[in-house]
Amino acid sequence: MGRRTITVVGCHAGGEVGNVVVAGVDPPPGRTVREQMESLRADDRLRRFLLREPRGSVAVHANLIVPATRPDCAFGYVIMEPTEYPLMSGSNTICVATVLLETGLVELREPETIVRLEAPAGVVEARCGCRAGRVESVEIVNVPARATLLDAPLEVDGFGRLTVDVAFGGMWYAIADAAALGFRLEPHEARDLCVAGEAIRLAAREQLTRDVSIVQLAEPWRGVGAVSRNAVVISPGRLDRSATGTGLSARMATLHARGLMKVGETMSHASPVGSVFEGRIVSETEDGIVPAIRGSAFVTGRIEWYVDDRDPFPEGYLLGDTWPGADVQD
């Protein structure tokens, strides 16, 4: 009988928790970080241990740092969210870059440190503004983003006929007009936004494409250089506290597809809690754009979780009072 220790550095970007596992877990098998993600997903014990109660919650994400499998990257990382392993996440990547520099795993240089990281989706470059030994901001050049459907009709239970865009920004989004659903994207609407977002996600997966795993409810675009509000609903039905980097990337891809944004132009998204990510279009690709996202992350502490073979809940548990739909989760 015994126990081992997993060391986690607590972090959030724009209010969204993106904790980073820095020690205590061996790299999973795989020749690439994408293959390592698939190995973790096939086993799934680590994600359950970190994200389910009594150690985690539906509002917690975790990132496993692994050695890079490419010579041009400093580290790789696997993103673990409440119900999935996304290929990319803006807020989690900002957390990872900040933790690597502020813990000394990557040397912090002022006024700027550039770190190349290997995400499951591919190589991500993080340009980190640094001062007084801290990371003040992180701009990530994301993987290419593209819009695949614009103004697609969708029948949603309880909400009737809507139109949505489907776009990839590192995750696959269905993007709906918040105003058309009567939302102002205020904090007191959080539960109703989640109900609507989950209904849209399920309808989009059934009627449009199984790729959709996340939903963005966005106010009408306010124009180049302006800040637009949005709310992103993450399965199993809770709001992203941050402005969501992959969501901003997907939104810019739809605006570019409509001819409303060009290379070099910027926009920003504000979350329901008021945190902001800034976005710009770096370049065009054959079917979309290369987006960049800027935000800030803050280290909240250092945790040592014990993996104890006496623990009656080695993979945690779910209860429906805090985890929507827990009765149907595996």
C-alpha atoms as a PDB file:
ATOM      1  CA  MET A   1       0.000   0.000   0.000  1.00  0.00           C
ATOM      2  CA  GLY A   2       1.298   3.469  -0.828  1.00  0.00           C
ATOM      3  CA  ARG A   3       0.834   6.638  -2.715  1.00  0.00           C
ATOM      4  CA  ARG A   4       2.556   8.792  -5.297  1.00  0.00           C
ATOM      5  CA  THR A   5       2.391  12.528  -5.929  1.00  0.00           C
ATOM      6  CA  ILE A   6       1.188  14.482  -8.949  1.00  0.00           C
ATOM      7  CA  THR A   7       2.323  18.118  -8.924  1.00  0.00           C
ATOM      8  CA  VAL A   8      -0.073  20.655 -10.427  1.00  0.00           C
ATOM      9  CA  VAL A   9       0.429  24.394 -10.857  1.00  0.00           C
ATOM     10  CA  GLY A  10      -2.908  26.183 -10.594  1.00  0.00           C
ATOM     11  CA  CYS A  11      -3.576  28.804 -13.263  1.00  0.00           C
ATOM     12  CA  HIS A  12      -6.410  30.694 -14.943  1.00  0.00           C
ATOM     13  CA  ALA A  13      -6.697  32.776 -18.113  1.00  0.00           C
ATOM     14  CA  GLY A  14      -9.543  35.248 -18.198  1.00  0.00           C
ATOM     15  CA  GLY A  15     -11.124  33.437 -15.246  1.00  0.00           C
ATOM     16  CA  GLU A  16     -11.082  30.008 -16.905  1.00  0.00           C
ATOM     17  CA  VAL A  17      -9.145  27.433 -14.874  1.00  0.00           C
ATOM     18  CA  GLY A  18      -6.356  25.761 -16.848  1.00  0.00           C
ATOM     19  CA  ASN A  19      -4.225  23.904 -14.302  1.00  0.00           C
ATOM     20  CA  VAL A  20      -0.897  22.489 -15.493  1.00  0.00           C
ATOM     21  CA  VAL A  21       0.549  19.098 -14.478  1.00  0.00           C
ATOM     22  CA  VAL A  22       4.309  19.628 -14.194  1.00  0.00           C
ATOM     23  CA  ALA A  23       5.499  16.443 -12.431  1.00  0.00           C
ATOM     24  CA  GLY A  24       4.439  12.993 -11.317  1.00  0.00           C
ATOM     25  CA  VAL A  25       3.006  11.669 -14.602  1.00  0.00           C
ATOM     26  CA  ASP A  26       5.074   9.803 -17.169  1.00  0.00           C
ATOM     27  CA  PRO A  27       4.569  10.810 -20.810  1.00  0.00           C
ATOM     28  CA  PRO A  28       1.947   8.572 -22.399  1.00  0.00           C
ATOM     29  CA  PRO A  29       2.997   6.429 -25.360  1.00  0.00           C
ATOM     30  CA  GLY A  30       2.942   8.000 -28.798  1.00  0.00           C
ATOM     31  CA  ARG A  31       5.291   9.310 -31.470  1.00  0.00           C
ATOM     32  CA  THR A  32       3.534  12.686 -31.534  1.00  0.00           C
ATOM     33  CA  VAL A  33       1.586  14.725 -28.991  1.00  0.00           C
ATOM     34  CA  ARG A  34      -1.560  13.883 -30.961  1.00  0.00           C
ATOM     35  CA  GLU A  35      -0.844  10.177 -30.477  1.00  0.00           C
ATOM     36  CA  GLN A  36      -0.076  10.784 -26.785  1.00  0.00           C
ATOM     37  CA  MET A  37      -3.456  12.501 -26.445  1.00  0.00           C
ATOM     38  CA  GLU A  38      -5.121   9.460 -27.993  1.00  0.00           C
ATOM     39  CA  SER A  39      -3.318   7.207 -25.490  1.00  0.00           C
ATOM     40  CA  LEU A  40      -4.534   9.322 -22.582  1.00  0.00           C
ATOM     41  CA  ARG A  41      -8.056   9.306 -23.959  1.00  0.00           C
ATOM     42  CA  ALA A  42      -8.063   5.516 -24.345  1.00  0.00           C
ATOM     43  CA  ASP A  43      -7.110   5.126 -20.689  1.00  0.00           C
ATOM     44  CA  ASP A  44      -8.814   8.287 -19.303  1.00  0.00           C
ATOM     45  CA  ARG A  45      -7.915   7.659 -15.649  1.00  0.00           C
ATOM     46  CA  LEU A  46      -5.751  10.789 -15.348  1.00  0.00           C
ATOM     47  CA  ARG A  47      -8.448  13.138 -16.674  1.00  0.00           C
ATOM     48  CA  ARG A  48     -11.046  11.638 -14.350  1.00  0.00           C
ATOM     49  CA  PHE A  49      -8.672  11.852 -11.386  1.00  0.00           C
ATOM     50  CA  LEU A  50      -7.892  15.536 -12.016  1.00  0.00           C
ATOM     51  CA  LEU A  51     -11.244  16.898 -13.164  1.00  0.00           C
ATOM     52  CA  ARG A  52     -13.902  15.000 -11.261  1.00  0.00           C
ATOM     53  CA  GLU A  53     -14.785  15.480  -7.612  1.00  0.00           C
ATOM     54  CA  PRO A  54     -13.322  15.368  -4.987  1.00  0.00           C
ATOM     55  CA  ARG A  55     -10.262  16.972  -6.645  1.00  0.00           C
ATOM     56  CA  GLY A  56     -11.810  18.799  -9.589  1.00  0.00           C
ATOM     57  CA  SER A  57     -15.108  20.157 -10.852  1.00  0.00           C
ATOM     58  CA  VAL A  58     -16.985  20.804 -14.066  1.00  0.00           C
ATOM     59  CA  ALA A  59     -15.276  24.238 -14.262  1.00  0.00           C
ATOM     60  CA  VAL A  60     -11.708  22.865 -14.196  1.00  0.00           C
ATOM     61  CA  HIS A  61      -9.405  22.020 -17.094  1.00  0.00           C
ATOM     62  CA  ALA A  62      -6.000  20.364 -16.830  1.00  0.00           C
ATOM     63  CA  ASN A  63      -2.965  20.264 -19.104  1.00  0.00           C
ATOM     64  CA  LEU A  64      -0.283  17.583 -19.038  1.00  0.00           C
ATOM     65  CA  ILE A  65       3.190  18.843 -19.952  1.00  0.00           C
ATOM     66  CA  VAL A  66       5.153  16.303 -22.007  1.00  0.00           C
ATOM     67  CA  PRO A  67       8.514  16.399 -23.796  1.00  0.00           C
ATOM     68  CA  ALA A  68       8.106  17.736 -27.308  1.00  0.00           C
ATOM     69  CA  THR A  69       8.299  15.171 -30.083  1.00  0.00           C
ATOM     70  CA  ARG A  70       9.568  17.852 -32.489  1.00  0.00           C
ATOM     71  CA  PRO A  71      13.005  19.501 -32.326  1.00  0.00           C
ATOM     72  CA  ASP A  72      11.540  22.965 -33.003  1.00  0.00           C
ATOM     73  CA  CYS A  73       9.325  22.959 -29.874  1.00  0.00           C
ATOM     74  CA  ALA A  74      10.213  23.440 -26.197  1.00  0.00           C
ATOM     75  CA  PHE A  75       7.449  21.206 -24.811  1.00  0.00           C
ATOM     76  CA  GLY A  76       4.242  19.478 -25.771  1.00  0.00           C
ATOM     77  CA  TYR A  77       0.992  19.506 -23.848  1.00  0.00           C
ATOM     78  CA  VAL A  78      -2.244  17.534 -23.784  1.00  0.00           C
ATOM     79  CA  ILE A  79      -5.444  19.401 -22.915  1.00  0.00           C
ATOM     80  CA  MET A  80      -8.058  17.701 -20.758  1.00  0.00           C
ATOM     81  CA  GLU A  81     -11.523  19.249 -20.456  1.00  0.00           C
ATOM     82  CA  PRO A  82     -14.608  18.026 -18.552  1.00  0.00           C
ATOM     83  CA  THR A  83     -15.901  15.733 -21.309  1.00  0.00           C
ATOM     84  CA  GLU A  84     -13.254  15.708 -24.046  1.00  0.00           C
ATOM     85  CA  TYR A  85      -9.662  16.071 -25.172  1.00  0.00           C
ATOM     86  CA  PRO A  86      -9.669  19.098 -27.489  1.00  0.00           C
ATOM     87  CA  LEU A  87      -6.994  19.467 -30.121  1.00  0.00           C
ATOM     88  CA  MET A  88      -6.420  23.070 -29.096  1.00  0.00           C
ATOM     89  CA  SER A  89      -7.540  25.614 -26.490  1.00  0.00           C
ATOM     90  CA  GLY A  90      -6.606  29.278 -26.333  1.00  0.00           C
ATOM     91  CA  SER A  91      -7.074  29.798 -22.593  1.00  0.00           C
ATOM     92  CA  ASN A  92      -5.279  26.547 -21.742  1.00  0.00           C
ATOM     93  CA  THR A  93      -2.367  27.388 -24.034  1.00  0.00           C
ATOM     94  CA  ILE A  94      -2.009  30.821 -22.426  1.00  0.00           C
ATOM     95  CA  CYS A  95      -1.952  29.072 -19.034  1.00  0.00           C
ATOM     96  CA  VAL A  96       0.641  26.521 -20.200  1.00  0.00           C
ATOM     97  CA  ALA A  97       2.993  29.177 -21.595  1.00  0.00           C
ATOM     98  CA  THR A  98       2.682  31.281 -18.439  1.00  0.00           C
ATOM     99  CA  VAL A  99       3.354  28.328 -16.121  1.00  0.00           C
ATOM    100  CA  LEU A 100       6.357  27.119 -18.135  1.00  0.00           C
ATOM    101  CA  LEU A 101       8.016  30.532 -17.862  1.00  0.00           C
ATOM    102  CA  GLU A 102       7.056  31.431 -14.300  1.00  0.00           C
ATOM    103  CA  THR A 103       8.186  28.036 -12.928  1.00  0.00           C
ATOM    104  CA  GLY A 104      11.490  28.141 -14.804  1.00  0.00           C
ATOM    105  CA  LEU A 105      10.799  25.141 -17.031  1.00  0.00           C
ATOM    106  CA  VAL A 106      11.474  27.556 -19.891  1.00  0.00           C
ATOM    107  CA  GLU A 107      13.862  30.442 -19.349  1.00  0.00           C
ATOM    108  CA  LEU A 108      11.989  33.745 -19.007  1.00  0.00           C
ATOM    109  CA  ARG A 109      13.614  36.603 -20.917  1.00  0.00           C
ATOM    110  CA  GLU A 110      12.473  40.209 -20.707  1.00  0.00           C
ATOM    111  CA  PRO A 111      10.842  42.008 -22.369  1.00  0.00           C
ATOM    112  CA  GLU A 112       9.671  39.110 -24.534  1.00  0.00           C
ATOM    113  CA  THR A 113      10.056  35.333 -24.651  1.00  0.00           C
ATOM    114  CA  ILE A 114       8.932  33.334 -27.673  1.00  0.00           C
ATOM    115  CA  VAL A 115       8.016  29.712 -26.963  1.00  0.00           C
ATOM    116  CA  ARG A 116       7.024  27.144 -29.553  1.00  0.00           C
ATOM    117  CA  LEU A 117       4.748  24.451 -28.160  1.00  0.00           C
ATOM    118  CA  GLU A 118       3.379  21.243 -29.618  1.00  0.00           C
ATOM    119  CA  ALA A 119      -0.365  20.917 -29.121  1.00  0.00           C
ATOM    120  CA  PRO A 120      -2.338  17.913 -30.368  1.00  0.00           C
ATOM    121  CA  ALA A 121      -3.530  20.168 -33.219  1.00  0.00           C
ATOM    122  CA  GLY A 122       0.002  21.138 -34.222  1.00  0.00           C
ATOM    123  CA  VAL A 123       2.676  23.717 -33.464  1.00  0.00           C
ATOM    124  CA  VAL A 124       1.599  26.846 -31.596  1.00  0.00           C
ATOM    125  CA  GLU A 125       3.886  29.850 -31.155  1.00  0.00           C
ATOM    126  CA  ALA A 126       3.459  31.835 -27.929  1.00  0.00           C
ATOM    127  CA  ARG A 127       4.876  35.361 -27.771  1.00  0.00           C
ATOM    128  CA  CYS A 128       5.046  36.226 -24.076  1.00  0.00           C
ATOM    129  CA  GLY A 129       5.433  39.784 -22.793  1.00  0.00           C
ATOM    130  CA  CYS A 130       7.495  39.607 -19.595  1.00  0.00           C
ATOM    131  CA  ARG A 131       8.405  42.078 -16.861  1.00  0.00           C
ATOM    132  CA  ALA A 132       9.843  41.746 -13.344  1.00  0.00           C
ATOM    133  CA  GLY A 133      10.012  37.971 -13.626  1.00  0.00           C
ATOM    134  CA  ARG A 134       6.345  37.589 -14.523  1.00  0.00           C
ATOM    135  CA  VAL A 135       4.411  36.957 -17.720  1.00  0.00           C
ATOM    136  CA  GLU A 136       2.134  39.926 -18.400  1.00  0.00           C
ATOM    137  CA  SER A 137       0.516  38.745 -21.623  1.00  0.00           C
ATOM    138  CA  VAL A 138       0.650  35.898 -24.121  1.00  0.00           C
ATOM    139  CA  GLU A 139      -0.141  36.101 -27.820  1.00  0.00           C
ATOM    140  CA  ILE A 140      -0.519  32.716 -29.452  1.00  0.00           C
ATOM    141  CA  VAL A 141      -0.430  32.161 -33.191  1.00  0.00           C
ATOM    142  CA  ASN A 142      -3.127  29.530 -33.416  1.00  0.00           C
ATOM    143  CA  VAL A 143      -3.521  26.652 -35.820  1.00  0.00           C
ATOM    144  CA  PRO A 144      -5.401  27.579 -39.036  1.00  0.00           C
ATOM    145  CA  ALA A 145      -9.093  28.373 -38.626  1.00  0.00           C
ATOM    146  CA  ARG A 146     -11.830  27.996 -41.206  1.00  0.00           C
ATOM    147  CA  ALA A 147     -15.574  28.374 -41.654  1.00  0.00           C
ATOM    148  CA  THR A 148     -17.357  25.417 -43.236  1.00  0.00           C
ATOM    149  CA  LEU A 149     -21.022  26.486 -42.993  1.00  0.00           C
ATOM    150  CA  LEU A 150     -22.530  29.971 -42.918  1.00  0.00           C
ATOM    151  CA  ASP A 151     -26.163  30.677 -41.973  1.00  0.00           C
ATOM    152  CA  ALA A 152     -27.043  26.992 -41.849  1.00  0.00           C
ATOM    153  CA  PRO A 153     -30.672  26.330 -40.817  1.00  0.00           C
ATOM    154  CA  LEU A 154     -31.089  24.403 -37.576  1.00  0.00           C
ATOM    155  CA  GLU A 155     -34.172  23.151 -35.724  1.00  0.00           C
ATOM    156  CA  VAL A 156     -33.535  23.317 -31.985  1.00  0.00           C
ATOM    157  CA  ASP A 157     -35.851  21.796 -29.384  1.00  0.00           C
ATOM    158  CA  GLY A 158     -37.391  24.553 -27.294  1.00  0.00           C
ATOM    159  CA  PHE A 159     -35.984  27.346 -29.449  1.00  0.00           C
ATOM    160  CA  GLY A 160     -37.391  26.726 -32.917  1.00  0.00           C
ATOM    161  CA  ARG A 161     -35.640  27.384 -36.210  1.00  0.00           C
ATOM    162  CA  LEU A 162     -32.256  29.141 -35.976  1.00  0.00           C
ATOM    163  CA  THR A 163     -29.365  29.812 -38.309  1.00  0.00           C
ATOM    164  CA  VAL A 164     -25.823  29.013 -37.210  1.00  0.00           C
ATOM    165  CA  ASP A 165     -22.301  29.111 -38.570  1.00  0.00           C
ATOM    166  CA  VAL A 166     -20.005  26.111 -38.195  1.00  0.00           C
ATOM    167  CA  ALA A 167     -16.302  26.879 -37.934  1.00  0.00           C
ATOM    168  CA  PHE A 168     -13.040  25.383 -36.683  1.00  0.00           C
ATOM    169  CA  GLY A 169     -10.753  27.486 -34.488  1.00  0.00           C
ATOM    170  CA  GLY A 170      -8.911  24.625 -32.819  1.00  0.00           C
ATOM    171  CA  MET A 171     -12.269  23.130 -31.786  1.00  0.00           C
ATOM    172  CA  TRP A 172     -15.425  22.789 -33.881  1.00  0.00           C
ATOM    173  CA  TYR A 173     -18.022  25.443 -33.100  1.00  0.00           C
ATOM    174  CA  ALA A 174     -21.644  26.098 -33.848  1.00  0.00           C
ATOM    175  CA  ILE A 175     -22.003  29.886 -33.620  1.00  0.00           C
ATOM    176  CA  ALA A 176     -25.461  31.364 -33.014  1.00  0.00           C
ATOM    177  CA  ASP A 177     -26.815  34.915 -32.722  1.00  0.00           C
ATOM    178  CA  ALA A 178     -27.359  35.651 -29.025  1.00  0.00           C
ATOM    179  CA  ALA A 179     -29.679  38.591 -29.732  1.00  0.00           C
ATOM    180  CA  ALA A 180     -31.982  36.420 -31.847  1.00  0.00           C
ATOM    181  CA  LEU A 181     -32.410  34.215 -28.779  1.00  0.00           C
ATOM    182  CA  GLY A 182     -33.093  37.198 -26.529  1.00  0.00           C
ATOM    183  CA  PHE A 183     -29.777  37.152 -24.664  1.00  0.00           C
ATOM    184  CA  ARG A 184     -27.740  40.189 -23.609  1.00  0.00           C
ATOM    185  CA  LEU A 185     -24.853  37.957 -22.471  1.00  0.00           C
ATOM    186  CA  GLU A 186     -24.958  39.086 -18.857  1.00  0.00           C
ATOM    187  CA  PRO A 187     -23.779  36.985 -15.880  1.00  0.00           C
ATOM    188  CA  HIS A 188     -27.318  36.448 -14.552  1.00  0.00           C
ATOM    189  CA  GLU A 189     -28.181  34.641 -17.817  1.00  0.00           C
ATOM    190  CA  ALA A 190     -25.532  31.952 -17.285  1.00  0.00           C
ATOM    191  CA  ARG A 191     -27.838  28.993 -16.634  1.00  0.00           C
ATOM    192  CA  ASP A 192     -30.227  29.905 -19.476  1.00  0.00           C
ATOM    193  CA  LEU A 193     -27.283  30.378 -21.843  1.00  0.00           C
ATOM    194  CA  CYS A 194     -26.064  26.902 -20.966  1.00  0.00           C
ATOM    195  CA  VAL A 195     -29.482  25.354 -21.609  1.00  0.00           C
ATOM    196  CA  ALA A 196     -29.649  27.041 -25.019  1.00  0.00           C
ATOM    197  CA  GLY A 197     -26.048  26.181 -25.880  1.00  0.00           C
ATOM    198  CA  GLU A 198     -26.453  22.492 -25.076  1.00  0.00           C
ATOM    199  CA  ALA A 199     -29.664  22.306 -27.113  1.00  0.00           C
ATOM    200  CA  ILE A 200     -27.879  23.911 -30.072  1.00  0.00           C
ATOM    201  CA  ARG A 201     -24.882  21.583 -29.717  1.00  0.00           C
ATOM    202  CA  LEU A 202     -27.026  18.461 -29.754  1.00  0.00           C
ATOM    203  CA  ALA A 203     -29.079  19.717 -32.711  1.00  0.00           C
ATOM    204  CA  ALA A 204     -25.975  20.711 -34.690  1.00  0.00           C
ATOM    205  CA  ARG A 205     -24.352  17.323 -34.113  1.00  0.00           C
ATOM    206  CA  GLU A 206     -27.504  15.582 -35.321  1.00  0.00           C
ATOM    207  CA  GLN A 207     -28.468  17.837 -38.229  1.00  0.00           C
ATOM    208  CA  LEU A 208     -25.200  19.395 -39.475  1.00  0.00           C
ATOM    209  CA  THR A 209     -22.014  17.590 -38.427  1.00  0.00           C
ATOM    210  CA  ARG A 210     -20.838  15.357 -35.606  1.00  0.00           C
ATOM    211  CA  ASP A 211     -17.698  17.491 -35.466  1.00  0.00           C
ATOM    212  CA  VAL A 212     -19.410  20.206 -33.400  1.00  0.00           C
ATOM    213  CA  SER A 213     -18.450  19.883 -29.738  1.00  0.00           C
ATOM    214  CA  ILE A 214     -18.864  23.447 -28.460  1.00  0.00           C
ATOM    215  CA  VAL A 215     -21.266  26.369 -28.976  1.00  0.00           C
ATOM    216  CA  GLN A 216     -20.736  30.113 -29.127  1.00  0.00           C
ATOM    217  CA  LEU A 217     -23.568  32.567 -28.545  1.00  0.00           C
ATOM    218  CA  ALA A 218     -22.341  35.870 -29.943  1.00  0.00           C
ATOM    219  CA  GLU A 219     -23.728  39.372 -30.040  1.00  0.00           C
ATOM    220  CA  PRO A 220     -23.759  41.132 -33.430  1.00  0.00           C
ATOM    221  CA  TRP A 221     -20.239  41.981 -34.546  1.00  0.00           C
ATOM    222  CA  ARG A 222     -19.275  45.562 -33.670  1.00  0.00           C
ATOM    223  CA  GLY A 223     -16.633  46.004 -36.364  1.00  0.00           C
ATOM    224  CA  VAL A 224     -12.868  45.919 -36.834  1.00  0.00           C
ATOM    225  CA  GLY A 225     -10.968  46.931 -33.717  1.00  0.00           C
ATOM    226  CA  ALA A 226     -14.019  46.797 -31.467  1.00  0.00           C
ATOM    227  CA  VAL A 227     -14.955  44.501 -28.579  1.00  0.00           C
ATOM    228  CA  SER A 228     -17.907  42.139 -29.066  1.00  0.00           C
ATOM    229  CA  ARG A 229     -19.450  40.062 -26.277  1.00  0.00           C
ATOM    230  CA  ASN A 230     -19.793  36.319 -26.536  1.00  0.00           C
ATOM    231  CA  ALA A 231     -20.602  33.327 -24.363  1.00  0.00           C
ATOM    232  CA  VAL A 232     -19.169  29.877 -25.043  1.00  0.00           C
ATOM    233  CA  VAL A 233     -21.010  26.842 -23.711  1.00  0.00           C
ATOM    234  CA  ILE A 234     -18.797  23.841 -22.967  1.00  0.00           C
ATOM    235  CA  SER A 235     -20.195  20.332 -22.687  1.00  0.00           C
ATOM    236  CA  PRO A 236     -21.826  19.100 -20.456  1.00  0.00           C
ATOM    237  CA  GLY A 237     -23.430  22.547 -20.159  1.00  0.00           C
ATOM    238  CA  ARG A 238     -21.476  25.293 -18.426  1.00  0.00           C
ATOM    239  CA  LEU A 239     -20.053  28.652 -19.479  1.00  0.00           C
ATOM    240  CA  ASP A 240     -16.438  29.251 -20.340  1.00  0.00           C
ATOM    241  CA  ARG A 241     -15.336  32.017 -17.988  1.00  0.00           C
ATOM    242  CA  SER A 242     -12.807  33.333 -20.498  1.00  0.00           C
ATOM    243  CA  ALA A 243     -13.442  34.950 -23.854  1.00  0.00           C
ATOM    244  CA  THR A 244     -12.272  31.641 -25.418  1.00  0.00           C
ATOM    245  CA  GLY A 245      -9.338  31.737 -27.832  1.00  0.00           C
ATOM    246  CA  THR A 246     -10.569  28.979 -30.138  1.00  0.00           C
ATOM    247  CA  GLY A 247     -13.984  30.656 -30.192  1.00  0.00           C
ATOM    248  CA  LEU A 248     -12.473  33.999 -31.172  1.00  0.00           C
ATOM    249  CA  SER A 249     -10.459  32.226 -33.874  1.00  0.00           C
ATOM    250  CA  ALA A 250     -13.587  30.525 -35.224  1.00  0.00           C
ATOM    251  CA  ARG A 251     -15.504  33.824 -35.156  1.00  0.00           C
ATOM    252  CA  MET A 252     -12.768  35.630 -37.108  1.00  0.00           C
ATOM    253  CA  ALA A 253     -12.808  32.792 -39.642  1.00  0.00           C
ATOM    254  CA  THR A 254     -16.537  33.346 -40.262  1.00  0.00           C
ATOM    255  CA  LEU A 255     -16.068  37.118 -40.530  1.00  0.00           C
ATOM    256  CA  HIS A 256     -13.206  36.607 -42.983  1.00  0.00           C
ATOM    257  CA  ALA A 257     -15.343  34.193 -45.018  1.00  0.00           C
ATOM    258  CA  ARG A 258     -18.002  36.907 -45.257  1.00  0.00           C
ATOM    259  CA  GLY A 259     -15.457  39.509 -46.360  1.00  0.00           C
ATOM    260  CA  LEU A 260     -15.830  41.518 -43.134  1.00  0.00           C
ATOM    261  CA  MET A 261     -12.249  41.054 -41.835  1.00  0.00           C
ATOM    262  CA  LYS A 262      -8.938  41.093 -43.687  1.00  0.00           C
ATOM    263  CA  VAL A 263      -5.345  40.159 -42.882  1.00  0.00           C
ATOM    264  CA  GLY A 264      -3.912  42.473 -40.223  1.00  0.00           C
ATOM    265  CA  GLU A 265      -7.291  43.517 -38.847  1.00  0.00           C
ATOM    266  CA  THR A 266      -8.247  43.008 -35.221  1.00  0.00           C
ATOM    267  CA  MET A 267     -11.245  42.411 -33.005  1.00  0.00           C
ATOM    268  CA  SER A 268     -11.780  41.379 -29.400  1.00  0.00           C
ATOM    269  CA  HIS A 269     -14.200  39.157 -27.531  1.00  0.00           C
ATOM    270  CA  ALA A 270     -15.440  39.831 -24.006  1.00  0.00           C
ATOM    271  CA  SER A 271     -16.763  36.983 -21.863  1.00  0.00           C
ATOM    272  CA  PRO A 272     -19.838  37.202 -19.605  1.00  0.00           C
ATOM    273  CA  VAL A 273     -17.517  37.878 -16.630  1.00  0.00           C
ATOM    274  CA  GLY A 274     -15.889  40.770 -18.518  1.00  0.00           C
ATOM    275  CA  SER A 275     -12.492  39.253 -19.361  1.00  0.00           C
ATOM    276  CA  VAL A 276     -11.206  40.041 -22.854  1.00  0.00           C
ATOM    277  CA  PHE A 277      -9.087  38.242 -25.448  1.00  0.00           C
ATOM    278  CA  GLU A 278      -7.751  40.217 -28.402  1.00  0.00           C
ATOM    279  CA  GLY A 279      -7.632  38.640 -31.857  1.00  0.00           C
ATOM    280  CA  ARG A 280      -6.062  39.450 -35.211  1.00  0.00           C
ATOM    281  CA  ILE A 281      -5.781  37.757 -38.579  1.00  0.00           C
ATOM    282  CA  VAL A 282      -2.123  36.978 -39.248  1.00  0.00           C
ATOM    283  CA  SER A 283      -2.483  35.555 -42.751  1.00  0.00           C
ATOM    284  CA  GLU A 284      -4.798  33.757 -45.133  1.00  0.00           C
ATOM    285  CA  THR A 285      -4.735  30.068 -45.959  1.00  0.00           C
ATOM    286  CA  GLU A 286      -6.255  28.181 -48.862  1.00  0.00           C
ATOM    287  CA  ASP A 287      -9.555  27.753 -47.006  1.00  0.00           C
ATOM    288  CA  GLY A 288      -9.378  30.135 -44.048  1.00  0.00           C
ATOM    289  CA  ILE A 289      -7.037  32.139 -41.854  1.00  0.00           C
ATOM    290  CA  VAL A 290      -4.181  31.922 -39.390  1.00  0.00           C
ATOM    291  CA  PRO A 291      -5.437  33.715 -36.254  1.00  0.00           C
ATOM    292  CA  ALA A 292      -3.537  35.138 -33.282  1.00  0.00           C
ATOM    293  CA  ILE A 293      -5.042  35.503 -29.808  1.00  0.00           C
ATOM    294  CA  ARG A 294      -3.728  37.621 -26.930  1.00  0.00           C
ATOM    295  CA  GLY A 295      -4.661  37.280 -23.267  1.00  0.00           C
ATOM    296  CA  SER A 296      -3.202  37.009 -19.777  1.00  0.00           C
ATOM    297  CA  ALA A 297      -2.968  34.169 -17.271  1.00  0.00           C
ATOM    298  CA  PHE A 298      -2.302  34.145 -13.545  1.00  0.00           C
ATOM    299  CA  VAL A 299      -0.719  31.411 -11.445  1.00  0.00           C
ATOM    300  CA  THR A 300      -2.968  30.695  -8.462  1.00  0.00           C
ATOM    301  CA  GLY A 301      -0.892  28.214  -6.488  1.00  0.00           C
ATOM    302  CA  ARG A 302       0.821  24.860  -6.383  1.00  0.00           C
ATOM    303  CA  ILE A 303      -0.974  21.637  -5.533  1.00  0.00           C
ATOM    304  CA  GLU A 304       0.314  18.164  -4.728  1.00  0.00           C
ATOM    305  CA  TRP A 305      -2.356  15.556  -5.383  1.00  0.00           C
ATOM    306  CA  TYR A 306      -1.806  12.136  -3.847  1.00  0.00           C
ATOM    307  CA  VAL A 307      -2.637   9.025  -5.854  1.00  0.00           C
ATOM    308  CA  ASP A 308      -3.497   6.766  -2.919  1.00  0.00           C
ATOM    309  CA  ASP A 309      -4.380   3.120  -3.444  1.00  0.00           C
ATOM    310  CA  ARG A 310      -6.643   3.308  -0.371  1.00  0.00           C
ATOM    311  CA  ASP A 311      -8.766   6.078  -1.919  1.00  0.00           C
ATOM    312  CA  PRO A 312     -12.324   4.824  -2.535  1.00  0.00           C
ATOM    313  CA  PHE A 313     -12.675   7.301  -5.440  1.00  0.00           C
ATOM    314  CA  PRO A 314      -9.472   6.843  -7.469  1.00  0.00           C
ATOM    315  CA  GLU A 315     -11.152   8.220 -10.609  1.00  0.00           C
ATOM    316  CA  GLY A 316     -13.479  10.624  -8.835  1.00  0.00           C
ATOM    317  CA  TYR A 317     -17.237  10.807  -9.219  1.00  0.00           C
ATOM    318  CA  LEU A 318     -19.983  12.964 -10.755  1.00  0.00           C
ATOM    319  CA  LEU A 319     -23.200  14.245  -9.205  1.00  0.00           C
ATOM    320  CA  GLY A 320     -25.912  16.054 -11.128  1.00  0.00           C
ATOM    321  CA  ASP A 321     -26.259  18.913  -8.626  1.00  0.00           C
ATOM    322  CA  THR A 322     -22.972  20.387  -9.885  1.00  0.00           C
ATOM    323  CA  TRP A 323     -22.265  18.447 -13.109  1.00  0.00           C
ATOM    324  CA  PRO A 324     -25.079  18.788 -15.703  1.00  0.00           C
ATOM    325  CA  GLY A 325     -26.226  15.475 -17.087  1.00  0.00           C
ATOM    326  CA  ALA A 326     -24.106  13.460 -14.656  1.00  0.00           C
ATOM    327  CA  ASP A 327     -26.639  10.627 -14.731  1.00  0.00           C
ATOM    328  CA  VAL A 328     -25.690   9.938 -18.367  1.00  0.00           C
ATOM    329  CA  GLN A 329     -21.920  10.450 -18.079  1.00  0.00           C
ATOM    330  CA  ASP A 330     -19.684   7.390 -18.180  1.00  0.00           C
END
